[in-house]
PDB file of N, CA and C in Angstrom:
ATOM      1  N   UNK A   1      64.672 145.012 113.189  1.00  0.00           N
ATOM      2  CA  UNK A   1      65.356 143.946 112.479  1.00  0.00           C
ATOM      3  C   UNK A   1      65.855 144.516 111.143  1.00  0.00           C
ATOM      4  N   UNK A   2      67.119 144.284 110.823  1.00  0.00           N
ATOM      5  CA  UNK A   2      67.687 144.814 109.588  1.00  0.00           C
ATOM      6  C   UNK A   2      67.079 144.123 108.372  1.00  0.00           C
ATOM      7  N   UNK A   3      67.131 144.795 107.245  1.00  0.00           N
ATOM      8  CA  UNK A   3      66.603 144.231 105.995  1.00  0.00           C
ATOM      9  C   UNK A   3      67.354 142.952 105.616  1.00  0.00           C
ATOM     10  N   UNK A   4      68.661 142.961 105.845  1.00  0.00           N
ATOM     11  CA  UNK A   4      69.472 141.780 105.517  1.00  0.00           C
ATOM     12  C   UNK A   4      69.055 140.581 106.370  1.00  0.00           C
ATOM     13  N   UNK A   5      68.823 140.814 107.651  1.00  0.00           N
ATOM     14  CA  UNK A   5      68.414 139.730 108.544  1.00  0.00           C
ATOM     15  C   UNK A   5      67.023 139.215 108.165  1.00  0.00           C
ATOM     16  N   UNK A   6      66.122 140.104 107.782  1.00  0.00           N
ATOM     17  CA  UNK A   6      64.783 139.682 107.340  1.00  0.00           C
ATOM     18  C   UNK A   6      64.876 138.754 106.136  1.00  0.00           C
ATOM     19  N   UNK A   7      65.725 139.138 105.184  1.00  0.00           N
ATOM     20  CA  UNK A   7      65.899 138.312 103.977  1.00  0.00           C
ATOM     21  C   UNK A   7      66.555 136.979 104.317  1.00  0.00           C
ATOM     22  N   UNK A   8      67.547 137.021 105.196  1.00  0.00           N
ATOM     23  CA  UNK A   8      68.239 135.795 105.602  1.00  0.00           C
ATOM     24  C   UNK A   8      67.266 134.827 106.259  1.00  0.00           C
ATOM     25  N   UNK A   9      66.483 135.323 107.191  1.00  0.00           N
ATOM     26  CA  UNK A   9      65.515 134.467 107.888  1.00  0.00           C
ATOM     27  C   UNK A   9      64.495 133.915 106.902  1.00  0.00           C
ATOM     28  N   UNK A  10      64.004 134.750 106.002  1.00  0.00           N
ATOM     29  CA  UNK A  10      63.040 134.294 104.997  1.00  0.00           C
ATOM     30  C   UNK A  10      63.611 133.206 104.108  1.00  0.00           C
ATOM     31  N   UNK A  11      64.836 133.392 103.658  1.00  0.00           N
ATOM     32  CA  UNK A  11      65.483 132.381 102.803  1.00  0.00           C
ATOM     33  C   UNK A  11      65.688 131.071 103.547  1.00  0.00           C
ATOM     34  N   UNK A  12      66.038 131.156 104.797  1.00  0.00           N
ATOM     35  CA  UNK A  12      66.285 129.943 105.576  1.00  0.00           C
ATOM     36  C   UNK A  12      64.995 129.205 105.901  1.00  0.00           C
ATOM     37  N   UNK A  13      63.940 129.955 106.169  1.00  0.00           N
ATOM     38  CA  UNK A  13      62.647 129.319 106.393  1.00  0.00           C
ATOM     39  C   UNK A  13      62.234 128.562 105.135  1.00  0.00           C
ATOM     40  N   UNK A  14      62.411 129.186 103.978  1.00  0.00           N
ATOM     41  CA  UNK A  14      62.086 128.527 102.708  1.00  0.00           C
ATOM     42  C   UNK A  14      62.912 127.248 102.542  1.00  0.00           C
ATOM     43  N   UNK A  15      64.207 127.331 102.844  1.00  0.00           N
ATOM     44  CA  UNK A  15      65.084 126.166 102.697  1.00  0.00           C
ATOM     45  C   UNK A  15      64.663 125.037 103.634  1.00  0.00           C
ATOM     46  N   UNK A  16      64.381 125.362 104.883  1.00  0.00           N
ATOM     47  CA  UNK A  16      63.944 124.328 105.823  1.00  0.00           C
ATOM     48  C   UNK A  16      62.606 123.733 105.403  1.00  0.00           C
ATOM     49  N   UNK A  17      61.708 124.568 104.906  1.00  0.00           N
ATOM     50  CA  UNK A  17      60.389 124.094 104.463  1.00  0.00           C
ATOM     51  C   UNK A  17      60.536 123.120 103.299  1.00  0.00           C
ATOM     52  N   UNK A  18      61.386 123.470 102.349  1.00  0.00           N
ATOM     53  CA  UNK A  18      61.575 122.617 101.169  1.00  0.00           C
ATOM     54  C   UNK A  18      62.376 121.358 101.487  1.00  0.00           C
ATOM     55  N   UNK A  19      63.133 121.403 102.583  1.00  0.00           N
ATOM     56  CA  UNK A  19      63.932 120.253 102.974  1.00  0.00           C
ATOM     57  C   UNK A  19      63.064 119.121 103.523  1.00  0.00           C
ATOM     58  N   UNK A  20      61.873 119.466 103.984  1.00  0.00           N
ATOM     59  CA  UNK A  20      60.978 118.441 104.509  1.00  0.00           C
ATOM     60  C   UNK A  20      60.671 117.420 103.430  1.00  0.00           C
ATOM     61  N   UNK A  21      60.456 116.185 103.843  1.00  0.00           N
ATOM     62  CA  UNK A  21      60.157 115.126 102.880  1.00  0.00           C
ATOM     63  C   UNK A  21      58.796 114.534 103.196  1.00  0.00           C
ATOM     64  N   UNK A  22      57.821 114.692 102.296  1.00  0.00           N
ATOM     65  CA  UNK A  22      57.887 115.458 101.053  1.00  0.00           C
ATOM     66  C   UNK A  22      57.972 116.954 101.345  1.00  0.00           C
ATOM     67  N   UNK A  23      58.366 117.710 100.309  1.00  0.00           N
ATOM     68  CA  UNK A  23      58.506 119.152 100.480  1.00  0.00           C
ATOM     69  C   UNK A  23      57.214 119.732 101.046  1.00  0.00           C
ATOM     70  N   UNK A  24      57.378 120.619 102.013  1.00  0.00           N
ATOM     71  CA  UNK A  24      56.234 121.273 102.621  1.00  0.00           C
ATOM     72  C   UNK A  24      55.896 122.527 101.820  1.00  0.00           C
ATOM     73  N   UNK A  25      54.638 122.695 101.498  1.00  0.00           N
ATOM     74  CA  UNK A  25      54.206 123.892 100.774  1.00  0.00           C
ATOM     75  C   UNK A  25      54.046 125.065 101.729  1.00  0.00           C
ATOM     76  N   UNK A  26      54.011 126.257 101.175  1.00  0.00           N
ATOM     77  CA  UNK A  26      53.738 127.435 101.986  1.00  0.00           C
ATOM     78  C   UNK A  26      52.359 127.314 102.631  1.00  0.00           C
ATOM     79  N   UNK A  27      51.422 126.752 101.890  1.00  0.00           N
ATOM     80  CA  UNK A  27      50.064 126.597 102.402  1.00  0.00           C
ATOM     81  C   UNK A  27      50.046 125.703 103.637  1.00  0.00           C
ATOM     82  N   UNK A  28      50.796 124.600 103.582  1.00  0.00           N
ATOM     83  CA  UNK A  28      50.828 123.668 104.711  1.00  0.00           C
ATOM     84  C   UNK A  28      51.519 124.299 105.916  1.00  0.00           C
ATOM     85  N   UNK A  29      52.625 125.000 105.686  1.00  0.00           N
ATOM     86  CA  UNK A  29      53.312 125.673 106.787  1.00  0.00           C
ATOM     87  C   UNK A  29      52.386 126.705 107.423  1.00  0.00           C
ATOM     88  N   UNK A  30      51.681 127.455 106.595  1.00  0.00           N
ATOM     89  CA  UNK A  30      50.744 128.459 107.111  1.00  0.00           C
ATOM     90  C   UNK A  30      49.659 127.803 107.963  1.00  0.00           C
ATOM     91  N   UNK A  31      49.138 126.703 107.467  1.00  0.00           N
ATOM     92  CA  UNK A  31      48.089 125.975 108.195  1.00  0.00           C
ATOM     93  C   UNK A  31      48.597 125.500 109.555  1.00  0.00           C
ATOM     94  N   UNK A  32      49.790 124.906 109.573  1.00  0.00           N
ATOM     95  CA  UNK A  32      50.351 124.390 110.814  1.00  0.00           C
ATOM     96  C   UNK A  32      50.720 125.500 111.803  1.00  0.00           C
ATOM     97  N   UNK A  33      50.993 126.695 111.289  1.00  0.00           N
ATOM     98  CA  UNK A  33      51.351 127.833 112.138  1.00  0.00           C
ATOM     99  C   UNK A  33      50.151 128.715 112.462  1.00  0.00           C
ATOM    100  N   UNK A  34      48.994 128.367 111.898  1.00  0.00           N
ATOM    101  CA  UNK A  34      47.762 129.122 112.117  1.00  0.00           C
ATOM    102  C   UNK A  34      47.899 130.582 111.670  1.00  0.00           C
ATOM    103  N   UNK A  35      48.476 130.740 110.475  1.00  0.00           N
ATOM    104  CA  UNK A  35      48.584 132.061 109.842  1.00  0.00           C
ATOM    105  C   UNK A  35      48.160 131.916 108.384  1.00  0.00           C
ATOM    106  N   UNK A  36      48.031 133.023 107.694  1.00  0.00           N
ATOM    107  CA  UNK A  36      47.665 132.983 106.286  1.00  0.00           C
ATOM    108  C   UNK A  36      48.842 132.628 105.396  1.00  0.00           C
ATOM    109  N   UNK A  37      48.532 132.083 104.239  1.00  0.00           N
ATOM    110  CA  UNK A  37      49.576 131.753 103.264  1.00  0.00           C
ATOM    111  C   UNK A  37      50.349 132.999 102.863  1.00  0.00           C
ATOM    112  N   UNK A  38      49.653 134.115 102.756  1.00  0.00           N
ATOM    113  CA  UNK A  38      50.296 135.373 102.381  1.00  0.00           C
ATOM    114  C   UNK A  38      51.359 135.771 103.417  1.00  0.00           C
ATOM    115  N   UNK A  39      51.082 135.464 104.673  1.00  0.00           N
ATOM    116  CA  UNK A  39      52.053 135.759 105.740  1.00  0.00           C
ATOM    117  C   UNK A  39      53.349 135.000 105.503  1.00  0.00           C
ATOM    118  N   UNK A  40      53.233 133.714 105.202  1.00  0.00           N
ATOM    119  CA  UNK A  40      54.434 132.904 104.946  1.00  0.00           C
ATOM    120  C   UNK A  40      55.152 133.422 103.705  1.00  0.00           C
ATOM    121  N   UNK A  41      54.409 133.739 102.670  1.00  0.00           N
ATOM    122  CA  UNK A  41      55.006 134.276 101.447  1.00  0.00           C
ATOM    123  C   UNK A  41      55.767 135.565 101.742  1.00  0.00           C
ATOM    124  N   UNK A  42      55.158 136.454 102.503  1.00  0.00           N
ATOM    125  CA  UNK A  42      55.815 137.722 102.852  1.00  0.00           C
ATOM    126  C   UNK A  42      57.084 137.491 103.664  1.00  0.00           C
ATOM    127  N   UNK A  43      57.026 136.548 104.604  1.00  0.00           N
ATOM    128  CA  UNK A  43      58.205 136.245 105.424  1.00  0.00           C
ATOM    129  C   UNK A  43      59.332 135.729 104.537  1.00  0.00           C
ATOM    130  N   UNK A  44      59.009 134.800 103.645  1.00  0.00           N
ATOM    131  CA  UNK A  44      60.036 134.228 102.779  1.00  0.00           C
ATOM    132  C   UNK A  44      60.586 135.239 101.785  1.00  0.00           C
ATOM    133  N   UNK A  45      59.833 136.298 101.508  1.00  0.00           N
ATOM    134  CA  UNK A  45      60.304 137.361 100.616  1.00  0.00           C
ATOM    135  C   UNK A  45      61.114 138.420 101.364  1.00  0.00           C
ATOM    136  N   UNK A  46      61.287 138.222 102.675  1.00  0.00           N
ATOM    137  CA  UNK A  46      62.127 139.135 103.439  1.00  0.00           C
ATOM    138  C   UNK A  46      61.409 140.322 104.028  1.00  0.00           C
ATOM    139  N   UNK A  47      60.107 140.214 104.206  1.00  0.00           N
ATOM    140  CA  UNK A  47      59.350 141.343 104.759  1.00  0.00           C
ATOM    141  C   UNK A  47      59.296 141.329 106.283  1.00  0.00           C
ATOM    142  N   UNK A  48      59.943 140.339 106.901  1.00  0.00           N
ATOM    143  CA  UNK A  48      59.998 140.286 108.352  1.00  0.00           C
ATOM    144  C   UNK A  48      58.977 139.340 108.940  1.00  0.00           C
ATOM    145  N   UNK A  49      59.144 139.057 110.226  1.00  0.00           N
ATOM    146  CA  UNK A  49      58.293 138.110 110.916  1.00  0.00           C
ATOM    147  C   UNK A  49      58.209 138.508 112.386  1.00  0.00           C
ATOM    148  N   UNK A  50      57.026 138.355 112.965  1.00  0.00           N
ATOM    149  CA  UNK A  50      56.883 138.633 114.395  1.00  0.00           C
ATOM    150  C   UNK A  50      57.495 137.481 115.182  1.00  0.00           C
ATOM    151  N   UNK A  51      57.865 137.750 116.418  1.00  0.00           N
ATOM    152  CA  UNK A  51      58.435 136.695 117.259  1.00  0.00           C
ATOM    153  C   UNK A  51      57.417 135.590 117.508  1.00  0.00           C
ATOM    154  N   UNK A  52      56.147 135.953 117.625  1.00  0.00           N
ATOM    155  CA  UNK A  52      55.093 134.959 117.854  1.00  0.00           C
ATOM    156  C   UNK A  52      55.021 133.968 116.690  1.00  0.00           C
ATOM    157  N   UNK A  53      55.023 134.489 115.473  1.00  0.00           N
ATOM    158  CA  UNK A  53      54.957 133.618 114.298  1.00  0.00           C
ATOM    159  C   UNK A  53      56.266 132.862 114.125  1.00  0.00           C
ATOM    160  N   UNK A  54      57.390 133.515 114.381  1.00  0.00           N
ATOM    161  CA  UNK A  54      58.684 132.850 114.262  1.00  0.00           C
ATOM    162  C   UNK A  54      58.771 131.658 115.217  1.00  0.00           C
ATOM    163  N   UNK A  55      58.234 131.808 116.415  1.00  0.00           N
ATOM    164  CA  UNK A  55      58.233 130.710 117.376  1.00  0.00           C
ATOM    165  C   UNK A  55      57.445 129.517 116.827  1.00  0.00           C
ATOM    166  N   UNK A  56      56.308 129.783 116.190  1.00  0.00           N
ATOM    167  CA  UNK A  56      55.509 128.702 115.606  1.00  0.00           C
ATOM    168  C   UNK A  56      56.260 128.030 114.459  1.00  0.00           C
ATOM    169  N   UNK A  57      56.897 128.831 113.619  1.00  0.00           N
ATOM    170  CA  UNK A  57      57.627 128.298 112.468  1.00  0.00           C
ATOM    171  C   UNK A  57      58.779 127.402 112.927  1.00  0.00           C
ATOM    172  N   UNK A  58      59.531 127.861 113.923  1.00  0.00           N
ATOM    173  CA  UNK A  58      60.652 127.087 114.446  1.00  0.00           C
ATOM    174  C   UNK A  58      60.163 125.734 114.968  1.00  0.00           C
ATOM    175  N   UNK A  59      59.029 125.744 115.649  1.00  0.00           N
ATOM    176  CA  UNK A  59      58.467 124.499 116.182  1.00  0.00           C
ATOM    177  C   UNK A  59      58.044 123.564 115.054  1.00  0.00           C
ATOM    178  N   UNK A  60      57.316 124.088 114.072  1.00  0.00           N
ATOM    179  CA  UNK A  60      56.812 123.266 112.963  1.00  0.00           C
ATOM    180  C   UNK A  60      57.952 122.712 112.123  1.00  0.00           C
ATOM    181  N   UNK A  61      58.963 123.527 111.849  1.00  0.00           N
ATOM    182  CA  UNK A  61      60.075 123.091 111.003  1.00  0.00           C
ATOM    183  C   UNK A  61      61.131 122.310 111.780  1.00  0.00           C
ATOM    184  N   UNK A  62      60.954 122.225 113.093  1.00  0.00           N
ATOM    185  CA  UNK A  62      61.869 121.467 113.938  1.00  0.00           C
ATOM    186  C   UNK A  62      63.314 121.959 113.779  1.00  0.00           C
ATOM    187  N   UNK A  63      63.471 123.276 113.902  1.00  0.00           N
ATOM    188  CA  UNK A  63      64.796 123.882 113.824  1.00  0.00           C
ATOM    189  C   UNK A  63      64.938 124.841 115.000  1.00  0.00           C
ATOM    190  N   UNK A  64      66.052 125.528 115.066  1.00  0.00           N
ATOM    191  CA  UNK A  64      66.275 126.499 116.137  1.00  0.00           C
ATOM    192  C   UNK A  64      66.321 127.905 115.544  1.00  0.00           C
ATOM    193  N   UNK A  65      66.226 128.894 116.428  1.00  0.00           N
ATOM    194  CA  UNK A  65      66.367 130.275 115.967  1.00  0.00           C
ATOM    195  C   UNK A  65      67.749 130.465 115.344  1.00  0.00           C
ATOM    196  N   UNK A  66      68.753 129.842 115.946  1.00  0.00           N
ATOM    197  CA  UNK A  66      70.115 129.934 115.418  1.00  0.00           C
ATOM    198  C   UNK A  66      70.227 129.366 114.018  1.00  0.00           C
ATOM    199  N   UNK A  67      69.483 128.279 113.752  1.00  0.00           N
ATOM    200  CA  UNK A  67      69.492 127.691 112.408  1.00  0.00           C
ATOM    201  C   UNK A  67      69.043 128.709 111.365  1.00  0.00           C
ATOM    202  N   UNK A  68      68.141 129.588 111.762  1.00  0.00           N
ATOM    203  CA  UNK A  68      67.598 130.555 110.813  1.00  0.00           C
ATOM    204  C   UNK A  68      68.469 131.799 110.660  1.00  0.00           C
ATOM    205  N   UNK A  69      69.470 131.937 111.513  1.00  0.00           N
ATOM    206  CA  UNK A  69      70.305 133.140 111.482  1.00  0.00           C
ATOM    207  C   UNK A  69      71.775 132.868 111.208  1.00  0.00           C
ATOM    208  N   UNK A  70      72.192 131.618 111.251  1.00  0.00           N
ATOM    209  CA  UNK A  70      73.594 131.249 111.071  1.00  0.00           C
ATOM    210  C   UNK A  70      73.875 130.960 109.606  1.00  0.00           C
ATOM    211  N   UNK A  71      74.761 131.726 109.009  1.00  0.00           N
ATOM    212  CA  UNK A  71      75.072 131.577 107.592  1.00  0.00           C
ATOM    213  C   UNK A  71      75.557 130.179 107.250  1.00  0.00           C
ATOM    214  N   UNK A  72      76.442 129.631 108.055  1.00  0.00           N
ATOM    215  CA  UNK A  72      76.970 128.295 107.758  1.00  0.00           C
ATOM    216  C   UNK A  72      75.865 127.245 107.799  1.00  0.00           C
ATOM    217  N   UNK A  73      74.971 127.352 108.775  1.00  0.00           N
ATOM    218  CA  UNK A  73      73.851 126.412 108.860  1.00  0.00           C
ATOM    219  C   UNK A  73      72.985 126.526 107.627  1.00  0.00           C
ATOM    220  N   UNK A  74      72.757 127.740 107.183  1.00  0.00           N
ATOM    221  CA  UNK A  74      71.933 127.948 105.990  1.00  0.00           C
ATOM    222  C   UNK A  74      72.536 127.251 104.773  1.00  0.00           C
ATOM    223  N   UNK A  75      73.831 127.414 104.598  1.00  0.00           N
ATOM    224  CA  UNK A  75      74.480 126.787 103.448  1.00  0.00           C
ATOM    225  C   UNK A  75      74.426 125.265 103.549  1.00  0.00           C
ATOM    226  N   UNK A  76      74.644 124.724 104.753  1.00  0.00           N
ATOM    227  CA  UNK A  76      74.546 123.281 104.943  1.00  0.00           C
ATOM    228  C   UNK A  76      73.129 122.790 104.693  1.00  0.00           C
ATOM    229  N   UNK A  77      72.139 123.568 105.114  1.00  0.00           N
ATOM    230  CA  UNK A  77      70.735 123.193 104.922  1.00  0.00           C
ATOM    231  C   UNK A  77      70.396 123.137 103.444  1.00  0.00           C
ATOM    232  N   UNK A  78      70.836 124.131 102.684  1.00  0.00           N
ATOM    233  CA  UNK A  78      70.571 124.132 101.241  1.00  0.00           C
ATOM    234  C   UNK A  78      71.247 122.936 100.568  1.00  0.00           C
ATOM    235  N   UNK A  79      72.482 122.651 100.942  1.00  0.00           N
ATOM    236  CA  UNK A  79      73.183 121.498 100.361  1.00  0.00           C
ATOM    237  C   UNK A  79      72.477 120.206 100.715  1.00  0.00           C
ATOM    238  N   UNK A  80      72.030 120.082 101.953  1.00  0.00           N
ATOM    239  CA  UNK A  80      71.311 118.891 102.397  1.00  0.00           C
ATOM    240  C   UNK A  80      70.025 118.720 101.595  1.00  0.00           C
ATOM    241  N   UNK A  81      69.300 119.824 101.381  1.00  0.00           N
ATOM    242  CA  UNK A  81      68.053 119.762 100.615  1.00  0.00           C
ATOM    243  C   UNK A  81      68.323 119.339  99.172  1.00  0.00           C
ATOM    244  N   UNK A  82      69.388 119.858  98.582  1.00  0.00           N
ATOM    245  CA  UNK A  82      69.735 119.482  97.211  1.00  0.00           C
ATOM    246  C   UNK A  82      70.124 118.014  97.119  1.00  0.00           C
ATOM    247  N   UNK A  83      70.885 117.537  98.093  1.00  0.00           N
ATOM    248  CA  UNK A  83      71.269 116.119  98.111  1.00  0.00           C
ATOM    249  C   UNK A  83      70.039 115.229  98.242  1.00  0.00           C
ATOM    250  N   UNK A  84      69.108 115.617  99.111  1.00  0.00           N
ATOM    251  CA  UNK A  84      67.876 114.836  99.264  1.00  0.00           C
ATOM    252  C   UNK A  84      67.073 114.803  97.969  1.00  0.00           C
ATOM    253  N   UNK A  85      67.009 115.936  97.292  1.00  0.00           N
ATOM    254  CA  UNK A  85      66.285 115.991  96.025  1.00  0.00           C
ATOM    255  C   UNK A  85      66.945 115.083  94.984  1.00  0.00           C
ATOM    256  N   UNK A  86      68.279 115.115  94.925  1.00  0.00           N
ATOM    257  CA  UNK A  86      69.004 114.256  93.981  1.00  0.00           C
ATOM    258  C   UNK A  86      68.769 112.786  94.296  1.00  0.00           C
ATOM    259  N   UNK A  87      68.805 112.426  95.565  1.00  0.00           N
ATOM    260  CA  UNK A  87      68.571 111.033  95.960  1.00  0.00           C
ATOM    261  C   UNK A  87      67.162 110.597  95.570  1.00  0.00           C
ATOM    262  N   UNK A  88      66.197 111.453  95.781  1.00  0.00           N
ATOM    263  CA  UNK A  88      64.814 111.135  95.409  1.00  0.00           C
ATOM    264  C   UNK A  88      64.697 110.900  93.909  1.00  0.00           C
ATOM    265  N   UNK A  89      65.307 111.775  93.135  1.00  0.00           N
ATOM    266  CA  UNK A  89      65.259 111.626  91.677  1.00  0.00           C
ATOM    267  C   UNK A  89      65.965 110.347  91.240  1.00  0.00           C
ATOM    268  N   UNK A  90      67.141 110.095  91.782  1.00  0.00           N
ATOM    269  CA  UNK A  90      67.907 108.906  91.404  1.00  0.00           C
ATOM    270  C   UNK A  90      67.180 107.619  91.791  1.00  0.00           C
ATOM    271  N   UNK A  91      66.529 107.613  92.927  1.00  0.00           N
ATOM    272  CA  UNK A  91      65.860 106.387  93.382  1.00  0.00           C
ATOM    273  C   UNK A  91      64.638 106.036  92.539  1.00  0.00           C
ATOM    274  N   UNK A  92      64.125 106.993  91.789  1.00  0.00           N
ATOM    275  CA  UNK A  92      62.953 106.711  90.954  1.00  0.00           C
ATOM    276  C   UNK A  92      63.332 106.308  89.522  1.00  0.00           C
ATOM    277  N   UNK A  93      64.623 106.273  89.214  1.00  0.00           N
ATOM    278  CA  UNK A  93      65.077 105.961  87.856  1.00  0.00           C
ATOM    279  C   UNK A  93      65.261 104.463  87.648  1.00  0.00           C
ATOM    280  N   UNK A  94      65.057 104.047  86.390  1.00  0.00           N
ATOM    281  CA  UNK A  94      65.348 102.656  86.052  1.00  0.00           C
ATOM    282  C   UNK A  94      66.852 102.530  85.780  1.00  0.00           C
ATOM    283  N   UNK A  95      67.329 101.333  85.520  1.00  0.00           N
ATOM    284  CA  UNK A  95      68.758 101.065  85.373  1.00  0.00           C
ATOM    285  C   UNK A  95      69.468 101.921  84.348  1.00  0.00           C
ATOM    286  N   UNK A  96      68.895 102.030  83.154  1.00  0.00           N
ATOM    287  CA  UNK A  96      69.543 102.782  82.077  1.00  0.00           C
ATOM    288  C   UNK A  96      69.628 104.269  82.414  1.00  0.00           C
ATOM    289  N   UNK A  97      68.528 104.851  82.883  1.00  0.00           N
ATOM    290  CA  UNK A  97      68.538 106.271  83.250  1.00  0.00           C
ATOM    291  C   UNK A  97      69.486 106.531  84.421  1.00  0.00           C
ATOM    292  N   UNK A  98      69.526 105.600  85.354  1.00  0.00           N
ATOM    293  CA  UNK A  98      70.408 105.737  86.503  1.00  0.00           C
ATOM    294  C   UNK A  98      71.871 105.720  86.066  1.00  0.00           C
ATOM    295  N   UNK A  99      72.213 104.845  85.133  1.00  0.00           N
ATOM    296  CA  UNK A  99      73.584 104.802  84.609  1.00  0.00           C
ATOM    297  C   UNK A  99      73.946 106.115  83.942  1.00  0.00           C
ATOM    298  N   UNK A 100      73.028 106.654  83.147  1.00  0.00           N
ATOM    299  CA  UNK A 100      73.260 107.939  82.486  1.00  0.00           C
ATOM    300  C   UNK A 100      73.456 109.048  83.511  1.00  0.00           C
ATOM    301  N   UNK A 101      72.611 109.051  84.528  1.00  0.00           N
ATOM    302  CA  UNK A 101      72.697 110.093  85.559  1.00  0.00           C
ATOM    303  C   UNK A 101      74.033 110.030  86.295  1.00  0.00           C
ATOM    304  N   UNK A 102      74.499 108.846  86.592  1.00  0.00           N
ATOM    305  CA  UNK A 102      75.783 108.679  87.277  1.00  0.00           C
ATOM    306  C   UNK A 102      76.911 109.172  86.383  1.00  0.00           C
ATOM    307  N   UNK A 103      76.859 108.875  85.101  1.00  0.00           N
ATOM    308  CA  UNK A 103      77.890 109.375  84.164  1.00  0.00           C
ATOM    309  C   UNK A 103      77.896 110.915  84.142  1.00  0.00           C
ATOM    310  N   UNK A 104      76.718 111.502  84.109  1.00  0.00           N
ATOM    311  CA  UNK A 104      76.619 112.965  84.104  1.00  0.00           C
ATOM    312  C   UNK A 104      77.206 113.549  85.392  1.00  0.00           C
ATOM    313  N   UNK A 105      76.853 112.947  86.531  1.00  0.00           N
ATOM    314  CA  UNK A 105      77.385 113.430  87.803  1.00  0.00           C
ATOM    315  C   UNK A 105      78.903 113.297  87.862  1.00  0.00           C
ATOM    316  N   UNK A 106      79.435 112.206  87.374  1.00  0.00           N
ATOM    317  CA  UNK A 106      80.886 112.024  87.373  1.00  0.00           C
ATOM    318  C   UNK A 106      81.565 113.062  86.483  1.00  0.00           C
ATOM    319  N   UNK A 107      80.903 113.435  85.389  1.00  0.00           N
ATOM    320  CA  UNK A 107      81.471 114.420  84.462  1.00  0.00           C
ATOM    321  C   UNK A 107      81.527 115.812  85.103  1.00  0.00           C
ATOM    322  N   UNK A 108      80.671 116.052  86.058  1.00  0.00           N
ATOM    323  CA  UNK A 108      80.664 117.352  86.722  1.00  0.00           C
ATOM    324  C   UNK A 108      81.827 117.442  87.695  1.00  0.00           C
TER     325      UNK A 108
END
């Protein structure tokens, strides 16, 4: 597996993990995959992943192997995660803070 592909897969696993609501920690993903937290950390840092562990991760994160290797999917996943985070933040604001936040977003 090329170094670039290892990094891509690691970044996408991180994005899918954080996209979960609530965000899934590395510890929780490791627990659900029956591996150590260090293993998940190493994978997300681009050190590679065995097919056995990758199969568990794909199942737990409810994604496909293609989702972890397709550049366009990765970009859409990151945007989706950011939108979800923004919605969560906005939904917890009171009226005045929400008005300010909307003004800031419109200014961008």
